[in-house]
Amino acid sequence: MEHQRLGTTGLELSEVGLGTFEWGHRVDARAAQRLVDEYSGAGGNVIELPSTGDSSAEVIAQLRLPEEILMMARVGVSMSEPDHIDVGLGRSRVLSQVDSLLRMTGREHLDVLILDVFDADVDRAETASAIETLLTLGKIRYVGVSHHTGWQLAEMRGAGLPIACAVAEYSLLNREAEDELIPAADYAGVGLIAGASLGRGVLTDKYRSATPQDSRLGGELSEYVGAYLDDRSGRVLAGVRKAATALGVSTTDIALAFNRRRGIACSLVSARTPAQLAEVTGSDVDLAEEIAEVLDQIS
């Protein structure tokens, strides 16, 4: 797997990052260890914890992680009650959530801390002060943002936050980040990390003829995945299938190759099985210009 620098920083990320969204749920510690071993063996070095990822953190604490693995985790969102989500980037929340993540994972630092919400009610200087404290204490190495627009990214950088990356959903089925966020990130030298880089699993084409029983569509995330099973997404996926057939590769290969051509620093994929993981870590398709242009037009 190729590695590339994150924006203008010296941090190098593998082109595919391993998401842990289902760790502690459908992926136990034993399965997670196998995924980590195979991912690291393929050259991967980024493990990402989701928001309110307590179950993922608890699994990670049980694993043997290679030294080269970088930990990316999010703060700014918490659940005070099962059905109530709190958001904010106040100093107390940021510091306490980082301490909690370090304690749960058993790590001394987080390599990339993602501010997972834009907080319009807290002075940006307060958030910047919390980040400076964490950097000074060595609890984090780099900071990024998620769920931010282009102007919000600029606002955070203007407050003195050393933003290294922006995380946004990005794939052939969702290119909204190109409207505002990506131009702002490119201008500022901020790297882009793609969340849901396989179109919430739809670009793997596993829903073409049926709904696998163990899939997200067949479970509690049916609405999340189902949003990309509309007519527009169907037309895009049809074009992806044609490209895959012409090149003798999979639709997953095409999806990841497209992201690489668009300058994505790292595409996050939440593989649950070794077979799923092998498909993404072994993907190295280079799209010809004419195929890339067609995919650009149809999506």
Protein backbone atom coordinates (compact mmCIF):
# COMPACT_ATOMS: atom_id res chain seq x y z
CA MET A 1 0.00 0.00 0.00
CA GLU A 2 1.28 3.45 -0.89
CA HIS A 3 1.77 6.15 1.76
CA GLN A 4 1.52 9.88 1.29
CA ARG A 5 1.94 12.99 3.38
CA LEU A 6 -1.06 14.52 5.09
CA GLY A 7 -1.40 17.99 3.61
CA THR A 8 1.75 19.99 4.26
CA THR A 9 2.67 18.06 7.42
CA GLY A 10 5.41 15.47 7.75
CA LEU A 11 2.91 12.78 8.74
CA GLU A 12 2.59 9.94 6.23
CA LEU A 13 -0.64 7.95 6.02
CA SER A 14 -1.43 4.77 4.14
CA GLU A 15 -3.91 5.31 1.34
CA VAL A 16 -6.48 3.11 3.11
CA GLY A 17 -7.37 3.61 6.77
CA LEU A 18 -9.03 0.97 8.94
CA GLY A 19 -12.28 2.13 10.52
CA THR A 20 -13.48 0.51 13.74
CA PHE A 21 -17.15 1.45 13.63
CA GLU A 22 -18.33 -2.08 14.36
CA TRP A 23 -15.61 -3.15 16.78
CA GLY A 24 -17.17 -4.26 20.02
CA HIS A 25 -20.41 -5.01 18.19
CA ARG A 26 -20.05 -7.32 15.20
CA VAL A 27 -16.23 -7.46 15.46
CA ASP A 28 -14.80 -8.87 18.69
CA ALA A 29 -11.22 -8.54 19.95
CA ARG A 30 -10.05 -11.76 18.35
CA ALA A 31 -11.38 -10.78 14.92
CA ALA A 32 -10.03 -7.24 15.34
CA GLN A 33 -6.54 -8.55 16.11
CA ARG A 34 -6.54 -10.56 12.90
CA LEU A 35 -7.69 -7.51 10.94
CA VAL A 36 -4.96 -5.36 12.48
CA ASP A 37 -2.25 -7.94 11.79
CA GLU A 38 -3.27 -8.35 8.15
CA TYR A 39 -3.80 -4.62 7.67
CA SER A 40 -0.38 -3.77 9.09
CA GLY A 41 1.20 -6.57 7.05
CA ALA A 42 -0.23 -4.98 3.89
CA GLY A 43 1.37 -1.63 4.77
CA GLY A 44 -1.59 0.04 6.47
CA ASN A 45 -0.89 2.41 9.34
CA VAL A 46 -4.11 4.29 10.23
CA ILE A 47 -6.77 3.08 12.67
CA GLU A 48 -9.75 5.40 13.15
CA LEU A 49 -12.11 5.50 16.12
CA PRO A 50 -15.63 6.83 15.50
CA SER A 51 -17.43 9.39 17.63
CA THR A 52 -18.66 7.97 20.92
CA GLY A 53 -16.49 4.98 20.10
CA ASP A 54 -16.21 3.56 23.62
CA SER A 55 -16.74 -0.02 22.44
CA SER A 56 -14.05 0.38 19.77
CA ALA A 57 -11.63 1.85 22.30
CA GLU A 58 -12.24 -1.03 24.69
CA VAL A 59 -11.42 -3.54 21.94
CA ILE A 60 -8.27 -1.64 20.97
CA ALA A 61 -7.07 -1.83 24.58
CA GLN A 62 -7.01 -5.63 24.22
CA LEU A 63 -4.94 -5.69 21.03
CA ARG A 64 -1.26 -5.90 20.18
CA LEU A 65 -0.73 -2.91 17.90
CA PRO A 66 2.42 -2.56 15.80
CA GLU A 67 4.48 0.54 16.62
CA GLU A 68 3.85 2.04 13.19
CA ILE A 69 0.07 2.16 13.70
CA LEU A 70 -1.28 5.71 13.97
CA MET A 71 -4.40 6.27 16.07
CA MET A 72 -6.99 8.74 14.83
CA ALA A 73 -9.85 9.56 17.21
CA ARG A 74 -12.70 12.05 17.42
CA VAL A 75 -13.90 14.40 20.15
CA GLY A 76 -16.73 16.90 20.41
CA VAL A 77 -19.61 14.46 20.47
CA SER A 78 -20.77 12.48 23.51
CA MET A 79 -23.85 10.67 24.77
CA SER A 80 -24.88 11.64 28.30
CA GLU A 81 -27.87 9.31 27.96
CA PRO A 82 -28.57 6.45 25.51
CA ASP A 83 -30.84 8.61 23.36
CA HIS A 84 -29.27 12.02 23.92
CA ILE A 85 -26.24 13.33 22.01
CA ASP A 86 -24.23 16.28 23.34
CA VAL A 87 -21.92 18.25 21.08
CA GLY A 88 -19.42 21.01 21.71
CA LEU A 89 -15.75 22.00 21.67
CA GLY A 90 -15.42 23.68 25.05
CA ARG A 91 -12.09 23.27 26.83
CA SER A 92 -13.41 20.93 29.51
CA ARG A 93 -15.13 18.61 27.04
CA VAL A 94 -12.13 18.38 24.71
CA LEU A 95 -9.60 17.74 27.48
CA SER A 96 -11.76 15.23 29.32
CA GLN A 97 -12.64 13.30 26.16
CA VAL A 98 -8.99 13.01 25.15
CA ASP A 99 -8.08 11.77 28.63
CA SER A 100 -10.91 9.25 28.45
CA LEU A 101 -9.77 7.97 25.04
CA LEU A 102 -6.20 7.57 26.24
CA ARG A 103 -7.36 5.73 29.33
CA MET A 104 -9.69 3.39 27.44
CA THR A 105 -7.22 2.57 24.68
CA GLY A 106 -4.22 2.34 26.97
CA ARG A 107 -2.19 4.66 24.76
CA GLU A 108 0.06 7.54 25.74
CA HIS A 109 -0.99 9.77 22.86
CA LEU A 110 -3.34 10.10 19.89
CA ASP A 111 -1.63 10.69 16.57
CA VAL A 112 -4.50 12.65 15.01
CA LEU A 113 -7.29 14.22 17.04
CA ILE A 114 -10.40 15.03 15.00
CA LEU A 115 -12.73 17.81 16.16
CA ASP A 116 -15.96 16.17 15.07
CA VAL A 117 -18.28 19.16 15.15
CA PHE A 118 -18.18 22.89 14.50
CA ASP A 119 -19.19 24.63 17.72
CA ALA A 120 -20.58 28.07 16.94
CA ASP A 121 -21.31 28.82 20.60
CA VAL A 122 -17.83 28.41 22.05
CA ASP A 123 -15.14 30.99 21.33
CA ARG A 124 -12.67 29.44 18.88
CA ALA A 125 -9.86 30.77 21.09
CA GLU A 126 -11.03 28.45 23.88
CA THR A 127 -10.87 25.41 21.62
CA ALA A 128 -7.49 26.52 20.31
CA SER A 129 -6.22 26.84 23.88
CA ALA A 130 -7.32 23.29 24.68
CA ILE A 131 -5.57 21.95 21.59
CA GLU A 132 -2.39 23.86 22.45
CA THR A 133 -2.45 22.31 25.91
CA LEU A 134 -2.83 18.81 24.49
CA LEU A 135 -0.03 19.37 21.99
CA THR A 136 2.27 20.77 24.67
CA LEU A 137 1.59 17.83 26.98
CA GLY A 138 2.25 15.39 24.13
CA LYS A 139 -1.22 13.86 24.36
CA ILE A 140 -1.88 14.51 20.67
CA ARG A 141 0.40 14.99 17.67
CA TYR A 142 -1.86 16.49 15.00
CA VAL A 143 -5.37 17.91 14.83
CA GLY A 144 -8.06 17.76 12.17
CA VAL A 145 -11.74 18.58 11.72
CA SER A 146 -14.82 16.72 10.56
CA HIS A 147 -18.33 17.87 9.64
CA HIS A 148 -16.94 21.33 8.79
CA THR A 149 -17.69 23.46 5.74
CA GLY A 150 -15.01 25.37 3.89
CA TRP A 151 -15.63 28.61 5.76
CA GLN A 152 -15.69 26.78 9.09
CA LEU A 153 -12.33 25.22 8.29
CA ALA A 154 -10.99 28.70 7.53
CA GLU A 155 -12.51 30.00 10.77
CA MET A 156 -10.76 27.35 12.84
CA ARG A 157 -7.42 27.98 11.16
CA GLY A 158 -7.89 31.71 11.62
CA ALA A 159 -8.25 31.12 15.36
CA GLY A 160 -4.78 29.60 15.42
CA LEU A 161 -5.71 25.92 15.32
CA PRO A 162 -3.02 24.02 13.37
CA ILE A 163 -5.47 22.01 11.27
CA ALA A 164 -3.66 19.24 9.40
CA CYS A 165 -6.63 17.47 7.82
CA ALA A 166 -10.34 17.52 7.17
CA VAL A 167 -12.45 14.37 7.29
CA ALA A 168 -15.51 14.30 5.06
CA GLU A 169 -17.68 11.69 3.43
CA TYR A 170 -16.38 11.32 -0.09
CA SER A 171 -16.90 8.74 -2.83
CA LEU A 172 -18.29 8.39 -6.33
CA LEU A 173 -21.74 8.48 -4.68
CA ASN A 174 -21.10 11.62 -2.63
CA ARG A 175 -18.85 14.40 -3.90
CA GLU A 176 -20.41 17.27 -1.97
CA ALA A 177 -17.04 18.06 -0.37
CA GLU A 178 -15.88 19.34 -3.76
CA ASP A 179 -18.31 22.25 -3.62
CA GLU A 180 -16.58 24.14 -0.83
CA LEU A 181 -14.50 22.07 1.57
CA ILE A 182 -11.92 20.64 -0.83
CA PRO A 183 -11.07 24.00 -2.46
CA ALA A 184 -10.64 25.53 1.00
CA ALA A 185 -8.51 22.60 2.17
CA ASP A 186 -6.34 22.70 -0.96
CA TYR A 187 -5.77 26.43 -0.55
CA ALA A 188 -4.72 25.98 3.08
CA GLY A 189 -2.55 22.90 2.51
CA VAL A 190 -4.92 20.74 4.55
CA GLY A 191 -5.15 17.05 3.64
CA LEU A 192 -8.50 15.39 2.98
CA ILE A 193 -9.45 12.05 4.53
CA ALA A 194 -12.44 10.32 2.96
CA GLY A 195 -15.05 8.82 5.24
CA ALA A 196 -17.49 6.21 3.84
CA SER A 197 -15.14 5.95 0.88
CA LEU A 198 -16.99 2.95 -0.55
CA GLY A 199 -20.32 4.76 -0.58
CA ARG A 200 -21.45 3.19 2.72
CA GLY A 201 -20.66 -0.19 1.21
CA VAL A 202 -22.84 0.28 -1.88
CA LEU A 203 -19.84 0.66 -4.22
CA THR A 204 -18.73 -2.88 -3.37
CA ASP A 205 -21.84 -3.91 -5.34
CA LYS A 206 -22.87 -6.41 -2.68
CA TYR A 207 -26.46 -5.17 -2.77
CA ARG A 208 -26.92 -5.72 -6.51
CA SER A 209 -29.19 -8.75 -6.31
CA ALA A 210 -30.05 -9.18 -2.63
CA THR A 211 -29.41 -7.91 0.88
CA PRO A 212 -26.82 -10.05 2.69
CA GLN A 213 -28.13 -11.03 6.12
CA ASP A 214 -25.03 -9.78 7.93
CA SER A 215 -24.85 -6.49 6.05
CA ARG A 216 -25.52 -3.01 7.38
CA LEU A 217 -28.52 -2.69 5.08
CA GLY A 218 -30.05 -5.72 6.75
CA GLY A 219 -29.52 -4.31 10.25
CA GLU A 220 -29.84 -1.12 12.25
CA LEU A 221 -28.04 0.96 9.61
CA SER A 222 -30.58 0.26 6.89
CA GLU A 223 -31.55 3.92 6.47
CA TYR A 224 -27.90 5.01 6.39
CA VAL A 225 -27.07 2.58 3.58
CA GLY A 226 -30.46 2.82 1.89
CA ALA A 227 -29.92 6.50 1.14
CA TYR A 228 -27.47 5.37 -1.56
CA LEU A 229 -29.77 2.86 -3.18
CA ASP A 230 -31.77 5.43 -5.11
CA ASP A 231 -32.00 5.88 -8.88
CA ARG A 232 -29.10 8.35 -9.11
CA SER A 233 -26.75 6.08 -7.20
CA GLY A 234 -27.92 3.18 -9.35
CA ARG A 235 -26.89 5.04 -12.50
CA VAL A 236 -23.48 5.87 -11.04
CA LEU A 237 -22.95 2.29 -9.92
CA ALA A 238 -23.88 1.03 -13.39
CA GLY A 239 -21.08 3.15 -14.82
CA VAL A 240 -18.67 1.89 -12.18
CA ARG A 241 -19.58 -1.70 -13.11
CA LYS A 242 -18.81 -0.98 -16.78
CA ALA A 243 -15.41 0.46 -15.87
CA ALA A 244 -14.68 -2.51 -13.62
CA THR A 245 -15.64 -4.99 -16.33
CA ALA A 246 -13.52 -3.21 -18.94
CA LEU A 247 -10.46 -3.35 -16.68
CA GLY A 248 -11.14 -6.81 -15.28
CA VAL A 249 -11.26 -5.55 -11.70
CA SER A 250 -13.90 -5.06 -9.01
CA THR A 251 -16.14 -2.07 -8.38
CA THR A 252 -14.26 -1.61 -5.10
CA ASP A 253 -11.04 -1.19 -7.09
CA ILE A 254 -12.67 1.51 -9.21
CA ALA A 255 -14.02 3.38 -6.19
CA LEU A 256 -10.66 3.47 -4.42
CA ALA A 257 -8.78 4.34 -7.61
CA PHE A 258 -11.10 7.29 -8.21
CA ASN A 259 -10.39 8.64 -4.72
CA ARG A 260 -6.65 8.35 -5.27
CA ARG A 261 -6.90 10.36 -8.48
CA ARG A 262 -8.83 13.08 -6.64
CA GLY A 263 -5.95 13.61 -4.21
CA ILE A 264 -7.52 11.95 -1.18
CA ALA A 265 -4.81 11.38 1.44
CA CYS A 266 -6.52 8.38 3.02
CA SER A 267 -9.78 6.53 2.34
CA LEU A 268 -11.40 5.09 5.47
CA VAL A 269 -12.90 1.61 5.11
CA SER A 270 -14.62 -0.35 7.90
CA ALA A 271 -13.80 -3.89 6.80
CA ARG A 272 -15.25 -6.58 9.08
CA THR A 273 -13.68 -9.68 7.58
CA PRO A 274 -10.21 -10.62 6.30
CA ALA A 275 -11.68 -11.10 2.82
CA GLN A 276 -13.12 -7.58 2.78
CA LEU A 277 -9.85 -6.18 4.09
CA ALA A 278 -7.72 -8.02 1.54
CA GLU A 279 -9.79 -6.58 -1.29
CA VAL A 280 -9.16 -2.98 -0.23
CA THR A 281 -5.53 -3.31 0.88
CA GLY A 282 -4.62 -5.13 -2.31
CA SER A 283 -6.31 -2.60 -4.57
CA ASP A 284 -3.81 -0.72 -6.74
CA VAL A 285 -5.72 0.10 -9.92
CA ASP A 286 -4.56 3.15 -11.85
CA LEU A 287 -7.38 4.67 -13.88
CA ALA A 288 -6.69 5.79 -17.42
CA GLU A 289 -7.52 9.42 -18.07
CA GLU A 290 -10.50 8.66 -20.32
CA ILE A 291 -12.07 6.31 -17.76
CA ALA A 292 -11.50 8.82 -14.96
CA GLU A 293 -13.19 11.52 -17.03
CA VAL A 294 -16.25 9.35 -17.65
CA LEU A 295 -16.56 8.53 -13.96
CA ASP A 296 -16.22 12.23 -13.18
CA GLN A 297 -19.06 13.05 -15.54
CA ILE A 298 -21.49 10.36 -14.42
CA SER A 299 -21.03 11.05 -10.71
